């Protein structure tokens, strides 16, 4: 790239217009990755959703990671507030979206997780973690959401 810049700087005065156009083109090509690296994080929709228990003692973190060709993953991690320790209470590795799993607190020590069952992919829901009872319900009667 540096060689191109040196070559363009040595062009004769008669070709100055060509040099200006070339320098602008090279500058635009070099700035494009910088602009994209600033915009892409703003468009990221995979930030986790945080659900706080009614007594503010526990946190349920619902994370959806979109993948390529249905290699999505969904996690619900439960932990005590202000603690580094947490435990995954629900995980699913298959096609989904934010509407595919419902997470909400029923009381200070009961968490409800509703999901669409998938027998062909890994899907696990634990009944208890961090002193909280987790109620897992499958939504068999409803059709899974479409993208």
Protein backbone atom coordinates (compact mmCIF):
# COMPACT_ATOMS: atom_id res chain seq x y z
CA UNK A 1 0.00 0.00 0.00
CA UNK A 2 2.88 2.35 0.79
CA UNK A 3 4.35 1.65 -2.63
CA UNK A 4 1.14 2.81 -4.28
CA UNK A 5 1.28 6.07 -2.31
CA UNK A 6 4.90 6.71 -3.30
CA UNK A 7 4.10 5.97 -6.94
CA UNK A 8 1.16 8.36 -6.93
CA UNK A 9 3.27 11.11 -5.38
CA UNK A 10 5.86 10.82 -8.18
CA UNK A 11 3.39 11.21 -11.03
CA UNK A 12 4.25 14.08 -13.36
CA UNK A 13 2.50 17.42 -13.04
CA UNK A 14 0.63 16.75 -16.27
CA UNK A 15 -1.23 13.87 -14.58
CA UNK A 16 -2.15 15.79 -11.40
CA UNK A 17 -5.89 15.29 -11.87
CA UNK A 18 -5.39 11.52 -12.13
CA UNK A 19 -3.30 11.59 -8.95
CA UNK A 20 -6.00 13.49 -7.03
CA UNK A 21 -8.70 11.04 -8.08
CA UNK A 22 -6.49 8.07 -7.19
CA UNK A 23 -5.61 9.48 -3.77
CA UNK A 24 -9.27 10.08 -2.96
CA UNK A 25 -10.16 6.56 -4.04
CA UNK A 26 -7.39 5.02 -1.90
CA UNK A 27 -8.46 7.17 1.06
CA UNK A 28 -12.08 6.07 0.72
CA UNK A 29 -11.06 2.41 0.59
CA UNK A 30 -8.93 2.81 3.74
CA UNK A 31 -11.66 4.66 5.69
CA UNK A 32 -14.43 2.15 4.90
CA UNK A 33 -13.25 -0.55 7.38
CA UNK A 34 -12.94 2.10 10.10
CA UNK A 35 -16.50 3.32 9.55
CA UNK A 36 -17.85 -0.25 9.51
CA UNK A 37 -16.03 -1.12 12.74
CA UNK A 38 -17.79 1.80 14.43
CA UNK A 39 -21.29 1.04 13.07
CA UNK A 40 -21.49 -2.76 13.48
CA UNK A 41 -21.45 -2.80 17.33
CA UNK A 42 -24.40 -0.39 17.34
CA UNK A 43 -26.45 -2.83 15.26
CA UNK A 44 -25.75 -5.81 17.53
CA UNK A 45 -29.05 -7.24 18.78
CA UNK A 46 -27.58 -10.04 20.88
CA UNK A 47 -27.20 -8.15 24.16
CA UNK A 48 -28.57 -10.18 27.06
CA UNK A 49 -31.90 -9.37 28.69
CA UNK A 50 -31.70 -9.07 32.48
CA UNK A 51 -34.60 -10.10 34.72
CA UNK A 52 -34.36 -9.12 38.37
CA UNK A 53 -36.22 -11.10 41.03
CA UNK A 54 -38.98 -9.26 42.95
CA UNK A 55 -36.81 -9.08 46.09
CA UNK A 56 -33.73 -8.01 44.04
CA UNK A 57 -31.65 -10.90 45.40
CA UNK A 58 -31.31 -12.87 42.14
CA UNK A 59 -30.69 -12.09 38.49
CA UNK A 60 -31.75 -14.16 35.46
CA UNK A 61 -29.79 -13.31 32.31
CA UNK A 62 -31.43 -14.37 29.05
CA UNK A 63 -28.96 -14.49 26.15
CA UNK A 64 -29.70 -15.27 22.50
CA UNK A 65 -26.77 -15.65 20.10
CA UNK A 66 -27.80 -15.76 16.44
CA UNK A 67 -25.74 -18.16 14.37
CA UNK A 68 -25.28 -19.06 10.75
CA UNK A 69 -27.83 -21.45 9.15
CA UNK A 70 -29.73 -22.25 12.35
CA UNK A 71 -26.72 -22.61 14.64
CA UNK A 72 -28.30 -20.27 17.16
CA UNK A 73 -27.94 -20.69 20.91
CA UNK A 74 -30.14 -19.58 23.78
CA UNK A 75 -29.07 -19.46 27.43
CA UNK A 76 -30.67 -18.46 30.74
CA UNK A 77 -28.11 -17.98 33.49
CA UNK A 78 -29.20 -17.56 37.11
CA UNK A 79 -27.11 -16.00 39.85
CA UNK A 80 -27.26 -14.05 43.07
CA UNK A 81 -27.04 -10.30 42.79
CA UNK A 82 -23.47 -8.96 43.14
CA UNK A 83 -22.02 -12.46 42.95
CA UNK A 84 -19.53 -13.79 40.42
CA UNK A 85 -20.97 -17.28 40.59
CA UNK A 86 -23.85 -18.19 38.34
CA UNK A 87 -25.40 -21.33 36.93
CA UNK A 88 -26.93 -22.03 33.53
CA UNK A 89 -30.51 -23.18 34.08
CA UNK A 90 -31.66 -23.35 30.45
CA UNK A 91 -29.76 -23.88 27.22
CA UNK A 92 -30.83 -24.63 23.67
CA UNK A 93 -28.61 -24.99 20.64
CA UNK A 94 -30.88 -24.68 17.64
CA UNK A 95 -32.85 -22.23 15.49
CA UNK A 96 -34.66 -19.69 17.62
CA UNK A 97 -35.07 -15.98 18.24
CA UNK A 98 -35.88 -13.69 21.19
CA UNK A 99 -39.54 -14.79 21.08
CA UNK A 100 -38.68 -18.51 21.24
CA UNK A 101 -38.17 -18.52 25.01
CA UNK A 102 -40.13 -16.71 27.72
CA UNK A 103 -38.42 -15.87 31.01
CA UNK A 104 -40.18 -14.26 33.99
CA UNK A 105 -40.23 -14.33 37.75
CA UNK A 106 -43.29 -15.81 39.47
CA UNK A 107 -42.09 -14.92 42.97
CA UNK A 108 -38.86 -14.10 44.77
CA UNK A 109 -37.69 -17.73 44.60
CA UNK A 110 -39.53 -19.09 41.52
CA UNK A 111 -38.47 -18.52 37.92
CA UNK A 112 -40.60 -19.54 34.93
CA UNK A 113 -38.99 -20.57 31.64
CA UNK A 114 -41.31 -21.42 28.74
CA UNK A 115 -39.83 -22.78 25.52
CA UNK A 116 -40.61 -24.73 22.36
CA UNK A 117 -39.38 -28.34 22.59
CA UNK A 118 -36.95 -29.62 19.97
CA UNK A 119 -36.15 -33.33 20.06
CA UNK A 120 -33.45 -33.12 17.38
CA UNK A 121 -31.11 -30.62 19.13
CA UNK A 122 -29.55 -30.17 22.55
CA UNK A 123 -32.01 -28.57 24.97
CA UNK A 124 -31.81 -28.65 28.76
CA UNK A 125 -33.71 -26.98 31.60
CA UNK A 126 -32.74 -27.48 35.26
CA UNK A 127 -35.30 -27.58 38.06
CA UNK A 128 -33.29 -25.66 40.67
CA UNK A 129 -30.23 -23.43 40.95
CA UNK A 130 -28.85 -20.89 43.43
CA UNK A 131 -31.70 -21.60 45.87
CA UNK A 132 -34.33 -20.74 43.24
CA UNK A 133 -36.93 -23.18 41.95
CA UNK A 134 -37.05 -23.12 38.14
CA UNK A 135 -40.36 -24.05 36.55
CA UNK A 136 -39.77 -25.35 33.00
CA UNK A 137 -42.79 -25.46 30.67
CA UNK A 138 -42.77 -26.60 27.07
CA UNK A 139 -45.10 -24.88 24.63
CA UNK A 140 -46.20 -27.91 22.61
CA UNK A 141 -49.57 -26.58 21.52
CA UNK A 142 -48.19 -23.41 19.91
CA UNK A 143 -46.25 -23.20 16.68
CA UNK A 144 -42.66 -21.96 16.99
CA UNK A 145 -42.09 -18.38 15.81
CA UNK A 146 -40.88 -17.88 12.26
CA UNK A 147 -38.14 -15.48 11.31
